[in-house]
All heavy atoms as atom14 arrays in JSON, in Angstrom:
{
  "sequence": "AKIHHDTASEFFRKLYDKGDFIEEVTEQLYDAKADQFLADRFVTG",
  "atom14_mask": [
    [1, 1, 1, 1, 1, 0, 0, 0, 0, 0, 0, 0, 0, 0],
    [1, 1, 1, 1, 1, 1, 1, 1, 1, 0, 0, 0, 0, 0],
    [1, 1, 1, 1, 1, 1, 1, 1, 0, 0, 0, 0, 0, 0],
    [1, 1, 1, 1, 1, 1, 1, 1, 1, 1, 0, 0, 0, 0],
    [1, 1, 1, 1, 1, 1, 1, 1, 1, 1, 0, 0, 0, 0],
    [1, 1, 1, 1, 1, 1, 1, 1, 0, 0, 0, 0, 0, 0],
    [1, 1, 1, 1, 1, 1, 1, 0, 0, 0, 0, 0, 0, 0],
    [1, 1, 1, 1, 1, 0, 0, 0, 0, 0, 0, 0, 0, 0],
    [1, 1, 1, 1, 1, 1, 0, 0, 0, 0, 0, 0, 0, 0],
    [1, 1, 1, 1, 1, 1, 1, 1, 1, 0, 0, 0, 0, 0],
    [1, 1, 1, 1, 1, 1, 1, 1, 1, 1, 1, 0, 0, 0],
    [1, 1, 1, 1, 1, 1, 1, 1, 1, 1, 1, 0, 0, 0],
    [1, 1, 1, 1, 1, 1, 1, 1, 1, 1, 1, 0, 0, 0],
    [1, 1, 1, 1, 1, 1, 1, 1, 1, 0, 0, 0, 0, 0],
    [1, 1, 1, 1, 1, 1, 1, 1, 0, 0, 0, 0, 0, 0],
    [1, 1, 1, 1, 1, 1, 1, 1, 1, 1, 1, 1, 0, 0],
    [1, 1, 1, 1, 1, 1, 1, 1, 0, 0, 0, 0, 0, 0],
    [1, 1, 1, 1, 1, 1, 1, 1, 1, 0, 0, 0, 0, 0],
    [1, 1, 1, 1, 0, 0, 0, 0, 0, 0, 0, 0, 0, 0],
    [1, 1, 1, 1, 1, 1, 1, 1, 0, 0, 0, 0, 0, 0],
    [1, 1, 1, 1, 1, 1, 1, 1, 1, 1, 1, 0, 0, 0],
    [1, 1, 1, 1, 1, 1, 1, 1, 0, 0, 0, 0, 0, 0],
    [1, 1, 1, 1, 1, 1, 1, 1, 1, 0, 0, 0, 0, 0],
    [1, 1, 1, 1, 1, 1, 1, 1, 1, 0, 0, 0, 0, 0],
    [1, 1, 1, 1, 1, 1, 1, 0, 0, 0, 0, 0, 0, 0],
    [1, 1, 1, 1, 1, 1, 1, 0, 0, 0, 0, 0, 0, 0],
    [1, 1, 1, 1, 1, 1, 1, 1, 1, 0, 0, 0, 0, 0],
    [1, 1, 1, 1, 1, 1, 1, 1, 1, 0, 0, 0, 0, 0],
    [1, 1, 1, 1, 1, 1, 1, 1, 0, 0, 0, 0, 0, 0],
    [1, 1, 1, 1, 1, 1, 1, 1, 1, 1, 1, 1, 0, 0],
    [1, 1, 1, 1, 1, 1, 1, 1, 0, 0, 0, 0, 0, 0],
    [1, 1, 1, 1, 1, 0, 0, 0, 0, 0, 0, 0, 0, 0],
    [1, 1, 1, 1, 1, 1, 1, 1, 1, 0, 0, 0, 0, 0],
    [1, 1, 1, 1, 1, 0, 0, 0, 0, 0, 0, 0, 0, 0],
    [1, 1, 1, 1, 1, 1, 1, 1, 0, 0, 0, 0, 0, 0],
    [1, 1, 1, 1, 1, 1, 1, 1, 1, 0, 0, 0, 0, 0],
    [1, 1, 1, 1, 1, 1, 1, 1, 1, 1, 1, 0, 0, 0],
    [1, 1, 1, 1, 1, 1, 1, 1, 0, 0, 0, 0, 0, 0],
    [1, 1, 1, 1, 1, 0, 0, 0, 0, 0, 0, 0, 0, 0],
    [1, 1, 1, 1, 1, 1, 1, 1, 0, 0, 0, 0, 0, 0],
    [1, 1, 1, 1, 1, 1, 1, 1, 1, 1, 1, 0, 0, 0],
    [1, 1, 1, 1, 1, 1, 1, 1, 1, 1, 1, 0, 0, 0],
    [1, 1, 1, 1, 1, 1, 1, 0, 0, 0, 0, 0, 0, 0],
    [1, 1, 1, 1, 1, 1, 1, 0, 0, 0, 0, 0, 0, 0],
    [1, 1, 1, 1, 0, 0, 0, 0, 0, 0, 0, 0, 0, 0]
  ],
  "atom14_positions": [
    [[9.93, -12.3, 14.3], [10.49, -12.17, 15.56], [9.53, -11.64, 16.57], [8.75, -10.86, 16.12], [11.87, -11.24, 15.45], [0.0, 0.0, 0.0], [0.0, 0.0, 0.0], [0.0, 0.0, 0.0], [0.0, 0.0, 0.0], [0.0, 0.0, 0.0], [0.0, 0.0, 0.0], [0.0, 0.0, 0.0], [0.0, 0.0, 0.0], [0.0, 0.0, 0.0]],
    [[9.66, -11.9, 17.81], [8.85, -11.43, 18.91], [8.91, -9.96, 18.99], [7.88, -9.2, 19.13], [9.31, -12.02, 20.2], [8.38, -11.7, 21.37], [8.77, -12.35, 22.73], [7.73, -12.05, 23.76], [7.62, -10.49, 24.01], [0.0, 0.0, 0.0], [0.0, 0.0, 0.0], [0.0, 0.0, 0.0], [0.0, 0.0, 0.0], [0.0, 0.0, 0.0]],
    [[10.11, -9.39, 18.84], [10.12, -7.85, 18.86], [9.34, -7.09, 17.87], [8.76, -6.11, 18.13], [11.66, -7.4, 18.8], [11.77, -5.95, 19.43], [12.17, -7.53, 17.42], [13.11, -5.52, 19.61], [0.0, 0.0, 0.0], [0.0, 0.0, 0.0], [0.0, 0.0, 0.0], [0.0, 0.0, 0.0], [0.0, 0.0, 0.0], [0.0, 0.0, 0.0]],
    [[9.21, -7.8, 16.68], [8.35, -7.31, 15.6], [6.91, -7.45, 16.04], [5.94, -6.53, 15.79], [8.67, -7.85, 14.34], [7.65, -7.28, 13.26], [7.74, -6.0, 12.83], [6.64, -7.92, 12.62], [6.78, -5.74, 11.89], [6.16, -6.93, 11.73], [0.0, 0.0, 0.0], [0.0, 0.0, 0.0], [0.0, 0.0, 0.0], [0.0, 0.0, 0.0]],
    [[6.45, -8.6, 16.4], [5.06, -8.94, 16.77], [4.68, -7.95, 17.86], [3.52, -7.3, 17.85], [4.89, -10.3, 17.34], [4.71, -11.39, 16.08], [3.58, -12.09, 16.03], [5.63, -11.64, 15.19], [3.75, -12.81, 14.93], [4.91, -12.66, 14.44], [0.0, 0.0, 0.0], [0.0, 0.0, 0.0], [0.0, 0.0, 0.0], [0.0, 0.0, 0.0]],
    [[5.52, -7.73, 18.82], [5.15, -6.78, 19.97], [5.04, -5.31, 19.45], [4.11, -4.64, 19.72], [6.31, -6.83, 21.16], [6.24, -8.13, 21.76], [5.22, -8.94, 21.64], [7.28, -8.47, 22.44], [0.0, 0.0, 0.0], [0.0, 0.0, 0.0], [0.0, 0.0, 0.0], [0.0, 0.0, 0.0], [0.0, 0.0, 0.0], [0.0, 0.0, 0.0]],
    [[5.98, -4.98, 18.63], [5.97, -3.67, 18.04], [4.86, -3.32, 17.19], [4.09, -2.18, 17.31], [7.33, -3.29, 17.18], [8.42, -3.55, 18.05], [7.33, -1.86, 16.73], [0.0, 0.0, 0.0], [0.0, 0.0, 0.0], [0.0, 0.0, 0.0], [0.0, 0.0, 0.0], [0.0, 0.0, 0.0], [0.0, 0.0, 0.0], [0.0, 0.0, 0.0]],
    [[4.52, -4.21, 16.25], [3.33, -4.07, 15.34], [2.02, -4.04, 16.14], [1.07, -3.27, 15.97], [3.38, -5.09, 14.31], [0.0, 0.0, 0.0], [0.0, 0.0, 0.0], [0.0, 0.0, 0.0], [0.0, 0.0, 0.0], [0.0, 0.0, 0.0], [0.0, 0.0, 0.0], [0.0, 0.0, 0.0], [0.0, 0.0, 0.0], [0.0, 0.0, 0.0]],
    [[1.91, -4.97, 17.28], [0.72, -5.07, 18.18], [0.51, -3.76, 18.86], [-0.55, -3.14, 18.96], [0.82, -6.19, 18.95], [0.81, -7.37, 18.32], [0.0, 0.0, 0.0], [0.0, 0.0, 0.0], [0.0, 0.0, 0.0], [0.0, 0.0, 0.0], [0.0, 0.0, 0.0], [0.0, 0.0, 0.0], [0.0, 0.0, 0.0], [0.0, 0.0, 0.0]],
    [[1.72, -3.1, 19.33], [1.51, -1.91, 20.18], [1.14, -0.82, 19.24], [0.44, 0.12, 19.6], [2.96, -1.59, 20.81], [3.23, -2.53, 21.99], [4.8, -2.45, 22.35], [5.43, -1.57, 21.77], [5.27, -3.29, 23.06], [0.0, 0.0, 0.0], [0.0, 0.0, 0.0], [0.0, 0.0, 0.0], [0.0, 0.0, 0.0], [0.0, 0.0, 0.0]],
    [[1.69, -0.8, 17.97], [1.33, 0.26, 17.09], [-0.18, 0.35, 16.87], [-0.8, 1.36, 16.81], [2.2, 0.25, 15.95], [2.22, 1.38, 14.97], [3.51, 2.13, 14.95], [1.21, 1.87, 14.25], [3.63, 3.14, 14.18], [1.37, 2.97, 13.5], [2.52, 3.65, 13.45], [0.0, 0.0, 0.0], [0.0, 0.0, 0.0], [0.0, 0.0, 0.0]],
    [[-0.64, -0.88, 16.38], [-2.0, -1.04, 16.16], [-2.92, -0.61, 17.35], [-3.89, 0.09, 17.18], [-2.42, -2.56, 15.78], [-3.88, -2.74, 15.49], [-4.33, -2.66, 14.21], [-4.73, -3.07, 16.41], [-5.65, -2.87, 13.88], [-6.03, -3.28, 16.26], [-6.62, -3.18, 14.89], [0.0, 0.0, 0.0], [0.0, 0.0, 0.0], [0.0, 0.0, 0.0]],
    [[-2.54, -1.21, 18.5], [-3.33, -0.85, 19.75], [-3.34, 0.67, 20.01], [-4.4, 1.17, 20.45], [-2.69, -1.62, 20.86], [-3.57, -1.49, 22.17], [-4.74, -2.44, 22.15], [-5.83, -1.97, 22.88], [-6.83, -2.73, 23.29], [-6.94, -3.99, 22.79], [-7.79, -2.29, 24.08], [0.0, 0.0, 0.0], [0.0, 0.0, 0.0], [0.0, 0.0, 0.0]],
    [[-2.25, 1.41, 19.76], [-2.3, 2.79, 20.11], [-3.24, 3.51, 19.18], [-4.1, 4.29, 19.57], [-0.91, 3.37, 19.94], [-0.86, 4.86, 20.3], [0.6, 5.37, 20.33], [0.6, 6.91, 20.71], [1.93, 7.44, 20.7], [0.0, 0.0, 0.0], [0.0, 0.0, 0.0], [0.0, 0.0, 0.0], [0.0, 0.0, 0.0], [0.0, 0.0, 0.0]],
    [[-3.23, 3.19, 17.92], [-4.21, 3.84, 16.93], [-5.72, 3.43, 17.25], [-6.54, 4.18, 17.21], [-3.85, 3.5, 15.45], [-2.88, 4.43, 14.79], [-1.55, 4.51, 15.39], [-2.7, 3.92, 13.4], [0.0, 0.0, 0.0], [0.0, 0.0, 0.0], [0.0, 0.0, 0.0], [0.0, 0.0, 0.0], [0.0, 0.0, 0.0], [0.0, 0.0, 0.0]],
    [[-5.83, 2.08, 17.66], [-7.21, 1.69, 18.07], [-7.58, 2.39, 19.33], [-8.91, 2.87, 19.33], [-7.08, 0.15, 18.38], [-8.41, -0.49, 18.8], [-9.32, -1.0, 17.94], [-8.67, -0.68, 20.17], [-10.41, -1.52, 18.35], [-9.77, -1.2, 20.63], [-10.79, -1.64, 19.73], [-11.86, -2.27, 20.15], [0.0, 0.0, 0.0], [0.0, 0.0, 0.0]],
    [[-6.79, 2.55, 20.34], [-7.25, 3.3, 21.48], [-7.58, 4.76, 21.28], [-8.45, 5.32, 22.01], [-6.11, 3.17, 22.6], [-5.88, 1.68, 23.17], [-6.83, 0.82, 22.95], [-4.98, 1.38, 23.67], [0.0, 0.0, 0.0], [0.0, 0.0, 0.0], [0.0, 0.0, 0.0], [0.0, 0.0, 0.0], [0.0, 0.0, 0.0], [0.0, 0.0, 0.0]],
    [[-6.92, 5.29, 20.31], [-7.25, 6.68, 19.98], [-8.43, 6.89, 19.09], [-8.89, 7.98, 18.78], [-5.9, 7.21, 19.22], [-4.69, 7.45, 20.06], [-3.45, 7.95, 19.25], [-3.7, 9.34, 18.57], [-2.52, 9.72, 17.74], [0.0, 0.0, 0.0], [0.0, 0.0, 0.0], [0.0, 0.0, 0.0], [0.0, 0.0, 0.0], [0.0, 0.0, 0.0]],
    [[-8.96, 5.7, 18.57], [-10.14, 5.82, 17.86], [-9.9, 6.13, 16.38], [-10.66, 6.77, 15.74], [0.0, 0.0, 0.0], [0.0, 0.0, 0.0], [0.0, 0.0, 0.0], [0.0, 0.0, 0.0], [0.0, 0.0, 0.0], [0.0, 0.0, 0.0], [0.0, 0.0, 0.0], [0.0, 0.0, 0.0], [0.0, 0.0, 0.0], [0.0, 0.0, 0.0]],
    [[-8.64, 5.78, 15.89], [-8.21, 6.1, 14.56], [-8.72, 5.2, 13.45], [-8.59, 5.45, 12.28], [-6.72, 6.31, 14.43], [-6.24, 7.5, 15.08], [-6.8, 8.64, 14.86], [-5.1, 7.48, 15.78], [0.0, 0.0, 0.0], [0.0, 0.0, 0.0], [0.0, 0.0, 0.0], [0.0, 0.0, 0.0], [0.0, 0.0, 0.0], [0.0, 0.0, 0.0]],
    [[-9.21, 4.03, 13.92], [-9.66, 3.13, 12.94], [-11.24, 3.08, 12.82], [-11.89, 3.6, 13.69], [-9.37, 1.66, 13.37], [-7.86, 1.37, 13.41], [-7.13, 0.81, 14.42], [-7.09, 1.67, 12.21], [-5.87, 0.47, 14.42], [-5.72, 1.44, 12.2], [-5.14, 0.79, 13.38], [0.0, 0.0, 0.0], [0.0, 0.0, 0.0], [0.0, 0.0, 0.0]],
    [[-11.72, 2.73, 11.71], [-13.08, 2.47, 11.45], [-13.35, 1.01, 11.58], [-12.75, 0.22, 10.83], [-13.6, 3.0, 9.98], [-13.33, 4.42, 9.9], [-15.08, 2.67, 9.82], [-13.51, 5.0, 8.45], [0.0, 0.0, 0.0], [0.0, 0.0, 0.0], [0.0, 0.0, 0.0], [0.0, 0.0, 0.0], [0.0, 0.0, 0.0], [0.0, 0.0, 0.0]],
    [[-14.31, 0.57, 12.37], [-14.71, -0.86, 12.51], [-15.85, -1.13, 11.62], [-17.0, -0.36, 11.74], [-15.02, -1.23, 13.98], [-15.32, -2.65, 14.2], [-15.44, -2.94, 15.65], [-14.67, -2.5, 16.45], [-16.48, -3.6, 15.98], [0.0, 0.0, 0.0], [0.0, 0.0, 0.0], [0.0, 0.0, 0.0], [0.0, 0.0, 0.0], [0.0, 0.0, 0.0]],
    [[-15.8, -2.01, 10.76], [-16.91, -2.19, 9.75], [-17.18, -3.66, 9.29], [-16.16, -4.32, 9.22], [-16.59, -1.39, 8.56], [-17.63, -1.05, 7.57], [-17.36, -0.09, 6.52], [-16.75, 1.07, 6.81], [-17.49, -0.39, 5.33], [0.0, 0.0, 0.0], [0.0, 0.0, 0.0], [0.0, 0.0, 0.0], [0.0, 0.0, 0.0], [0.0, 0.0, 0.0]],
    [[-18.44, -4.03, 9.16], [-18.68, -5.36, 8.74], [-18.88, -5.15, 7.17], [-19.75, -4.45, 6.61], [-20.02, -5.95, 9.23], [-20.38, -7.18, 8.66], [-19.82, -6.09, 10.74], [0.0, 0.0, 0.0], [0.0, 0.0, 0.0], [0.0, 0.0, 0.0], [0.0, 0.0, 0.0], [0.0, 0.0, 0.0], [0.0, 0.0, 0.0], [0.0, 0.0, 0.0]],
    [[-18.12, -6.04, 6.4], [-18.15, -5.76, 4.9], [-18.3, -7.22, 4.35], [-18.19, -8.3, 5.07], [-16.75, -5.3, 4.39], [-15.78, -6.18, 4.74], [-16.55, -3.91, 5.04], [0.0, 0.0, 0.0], [0.0, 0.0, 0.0], [0.0, 0.0, 0.0], [0.0, 0.0, 0.0], [0.0, 0.0, 0.0], [0.0, 0.0, 0.0], [0.0, 0.0, 0.0]],
    [[-18.65, -7.23, 3.06], [-18.69, -8.41, 2.23], [-17.34, -8.74, 1.64], [-16.75, -7.95, 0.85], [-19.68, -8.24, 1.09], [-21.14, -7.9, 1.74], [-21.97, -9.17, 1.87], [-22.57, -9.63, 0.87], [-22.13, -9.58, 3.06], [0.0, 0.0, 0.0], [0.0, 0.0, 0.0], [0.0, 0.0, 0.0], [0.0, 0.0, 0.0], [0.0, 0.0, 0.0]],
    [[-16.89, -9.93, 2.05], [-15.59, -10.34, 1.4], [-15.75, -11.64, 0.63], [-16.81, -12.45, 0.89], [-14.58, -10.65, 2.67], [-14.32, -9.39, 3.38], [-13.32, -8.36, 2.63], [-12.68, -8.71, 1.8], [-13.66, -7.02, 2.95], [0.0, 0.0, 0.0], [0.0, 0.0, 0.0], [0.0, 0.0, 0.0], [0.0, 0.0, 0.0], [0.0, 0.0, 0.0]],
    [[-14.92, -11.99, -0.23], [-15.0, -13.16, -1.09], [-14.6, -14.36, -0.25], [-13.68, -14.32, 0.63], [-13.99, -13.01, -2.32], [-14.39, -12.01, -3.34], [-13.37, -12.02, -4.45], [-15.8, -12.11, -3.89], [0.0, 0.0, 0.0], [0.0, 0.0, 0.0], [0.0, 0.0, 0.0], [0.0, 0.0, 0.0], [0.0, 0.0, 0.0], [0.0, 0.0, 0.0]],
    [[-15.4, -15.35, -0.35], [-15.36, -16.62, 0.35], [-15.32, -17.9, -0.41], [-16.24, -17.93, -1.35], [-16.47, -16.57, 1.5], [-16.45, -17.77, 2.47], [-15.77, -17.64, 3.67], [-17.18, -18.87, 2.28], [-15.73, -18.63, 4.52], [-17.25, -19.94, 3.1], [-16.45, -19.84, 4.35], [-16.45, -20.86, 5.26], [0.0, 0.0, 0.0], [0.0, 0.0, 0.0]],
    [[-14.37, -18.78, -0.29], [-14.48, -19.99, -0.96], [-15.18, -21.0, -0.14], [-14.65, -21.55, 0.81], [-12.94, -20.43, -1.26], [-12.94, -21.65, -2.05], [-13.82, -22.41, -2.12], [-11.91, -21.76, -2.88], [0.0, 0.0, 0.0], [0.0, 0.0, 0.0], [0.0, 0.0, 0.0], [0.0, 0.0, 0.0], [0.0, 0.0, 0.0], [0.0, 0.0, 0.0]],
    [[-16.44, -21.32, -0.65], [-17.26, -22.27, 0.17], [-16.58, -23.63, 0.15], [-16.81, -24.46, 1.27], [-18.73, -22.27, -0.4], [0.0, 0.0, 0.0], [0.0, 0.0, 0.0], [0.0, 0.0, 0.0], [0.0, 0.0, 0.0], [0.0, 0.0, 0.0], [0.0, 0.0, 0.0], [0.0, 0.0, 0.0], [0.0, 0.0, 0.0], [0.0, 0.0, 0.0]],
    [[-15.97, -24.08, -0.87], [-15.48, -25.52, -0.94], [-14.27, -25.54, -0.04], [-14.2, -26.62, 0.66], [-15.07, -25.75, -2.36], [-14.57, -27.11, -2.53], [-14.3, -27.51, -4.0], [-13.96, -28.83, -4.36], [-13.67, -29.13, -5.81], [0.0, 0.0, 0.0], [0.0, 0.0, 0.0], [0.0, 0.0, 0.0], [0.0, 0.0, 0.0], [0.0, 0.0, 0.0]],
    [[-13.4, -24.46, 0.12], [-12.25, -24.54, 0.98], [-12.63, -24.08, 2.44], [-11.77, -24.27, 3.35], [-11.12, -23.66, 0.39], [0.0, 0.0, 0.0], [0.0, 0.0, 0.0], [0.0, 0.0, 0.0], [0.0, 0.0, 0.0], [0.0, 0.0, 0.0], [0.0, 0.0, 0.0], [0.0, 0.0, 0.0], [0.0, 0.0, 0.0], [0.0, 0.0, 0.0]],
    [[-13.85, -23.6, 2.49], [-14.3, -23.09, 3.84], [-13.34, -22.08, 4.42], [-13.0, -22.12, 5.52], [-14.58, -24.36, 4.7], [-15.32, -23.94, 6.06], [-16.0, -22.82, 5.98], [-15.21, -24.53, 7.11], [0.0, 0.0, 0.0], [0.0, 0.0, 0.0], [0.0, 0.0, 0.0], [0.0, 0.0, 0.0], [0.0, 0.0, 0.0], [0.0, 0.0, 0.0]],
    [[-13.0, -21.01, 3.56], [-12.23, -19.92, 4.05], [-12.49, -18.68, 3.28], [-12.75, -18.78, 2.16], [-10.86, -20.4, 4.17], [-10.11, -20.48, 2.79], [-8.6, -20.69, 2.77], [-8.24, -21.88, 3.16], [-7.8, -19.73, 2.6], [0.0, 0.0, 0.0], [0.0, 0.0, 0.0], [0.0, 0.0, 0.0], [0.0, 0.0, 0.0], [0.0, 0.0, 0.0]],
    [[-12.21, -17.56, 3.99], [-12.19, -16.27, 3.24], [-10.88, -16.22, 2.48], [-9.93, -16.75, 2.86], [-12.16, -15.1, 4.26], [-13.53, -14.71, 4.94], [-13.82, -15.32, 6.12], [-14.44, -14.04, 4.21], [-15.11, -14.98, 6.71], [-15.74, -13.75, 4.72], [-16.16, -14.24, 6.06], [0.0, 0.0, 0.0], [0.0, 0.0, 0.0], [0.0, 0.0, 0.0]],
    [[-11.16, -15.55, 1.22], [-9.98, -15.52, 0.34], [-9.2, -14.1, 0.46], [-9.73, -13.07, 0.22], [-10.51, -15.74, -1.06], [-11.13, -16.99, -1.54], [-11.75, -17.01, -2.83], [-10.07, -18.19, -1.26], [0.0, 0.0, 0.0], [0.0, 0.0, 0.0], [0.0, 0.0, 0.0], [0.0, 0.0, 0.0], [0.0, 0.0, 0.0], [0.0, 0.0, 0.0]],
    [[-7.86, -14.33, 0.82], [-7.11, -13.05, 0.85], [-6.77, -12.81, -0.51], [-6.99, -13.57, -1.52], [-5.71, -13.51, 1.54], [0.0, 0.0, 0.0], [0.0, 0.0, 0.0], [0.0, 0.0, 0.0], [0.0, 0.0, 0.0], [0.0, 0.0, 0.0], [0.0, 0.0, 0.0], [0.0, 0.0, 0.0], [0.0, 0.0, 0.0], [0.0, 0.0, 0.0]],
    [[-6.36, -11.52, -0.85], [-6.29, -10.93, -2.15], [-5.64, -11.83, -3.11], [-6.06, -11.9, -4.25], [-5.82, -9.52, -2.12], [-6.6, -8.54, -1.17], [-7.66, -8.81, -1.07], [-5.94, -7.58, -0.68], [0.0, 0.0, 0.0], [0.0, 0.0, 0.0], [0.0, 0.0, 0.0], [0.0, 0.0, 0.0], [0.0, 0.0, 0.0], [0.0, 0.0, 0.0]],
    [[-4.35, -12.38, -2.69], [-3.7, -13.12, -3.63], [-4.17, -14.5, -3.95], [-3.62, -15.23, -4.88], [-2.26, -13.18, -3.19], [-1.41, -11.93, -3.2], [-0.83, -11.69, -4.66], [-0.52, -10.51, -5.04], [0.32, -10.08, -6.05], [0.89, -11.02, -6.83], [0.56, -8.9, -6.44], [0.0, 0.0, 0.0], [0.0, 0.0, 0.0], [0.0, 0.0, 0.0]],
    [[-5.36, -14.94, -3.17], [-5.87, -16.21, -3.51], [-7.11, -15.98, -4.4], [-7.85, -16.88, -4.68], [-6.39, -16.83, -2.23], [-5.25, -17.57, -1.43], [-5.0, -17.17, -0.12], [-4.64, -18.62, -2.06], [-3.87, -17.81, 0.56], [-3.61, -19.24, -1.34], [-3.2, -18.86, 0.03], [0.0, 0.0, 0.0], [0.0, 0.0, 0.0], [0.0, 0.0, 0.0]],
    [[-7.11, -14.78, -5.06], [-8.25, -14.46, -5.98], [-7.65, -14.01, -7.34], [-6.74, -13.14, -7.23], [-9.25, -13.51, -5.46], [-10.41, -13.32, -6.53], [-9.72, -13.8, -4.04], [0.0, 0.0, 0.0], [0.0, 0.0, 0.0], [0.0, 0.0, 0.0], [0.0, 0.0, 0.0], [0.0, 0.0, 0.0], [0.0, 0.0, 0.0], [0.0, 0.0, 0.0]],
    [[-8.03, -14.56, -8.46], [-7.67, -13.88, -9.68], [-8.92, -13.78, -10.5], [-9.98, -14.38, -10.29], [-6.73, -14.87, -10.44], [-7.38, -16.11, -10.73], [-5.44, -15.22, -9.75], [0.0, 0.0, 0.0], [0.0, 0.0, 0.0], [0.0, 0.0, 0.0], [0.0, 0.0, 0.0], [0.0, 0.0, 0.0], [0.0, 0.0, 0.0], [0.0, 0.0, 0.0]],
    [[-8.82, -12.75, -11.39], [-10.04, -12.48, -12.17], [-9.63, -11.42, -13.33], [-8.4, -11.01, -13.49], [0.0, 0.0, 0.0], [0.0, 0.0, 0.0], [0.0, 0.0, 0.0], [0.0, 0.0, 0.0], [0.0, 0.0, 0.0], [0.0, 0.0, 0.0], [0.0, 0.0, 0.0], [0.0, 0.0, 0.0], [0.0, 0.0, 0.0], [0.0, 0.0, 0.0]]
  ]
}
């Protein structure tokens, strides 16, 4: 729902503007054949 998208975005933005997040470049698992990063549930091991 739009009200949720707006609420979650506002929540994130408030923490972001206060400097509460760490911005970081990290190594993530990537499926070269599918040409996409793999979210956690798209990986098993």
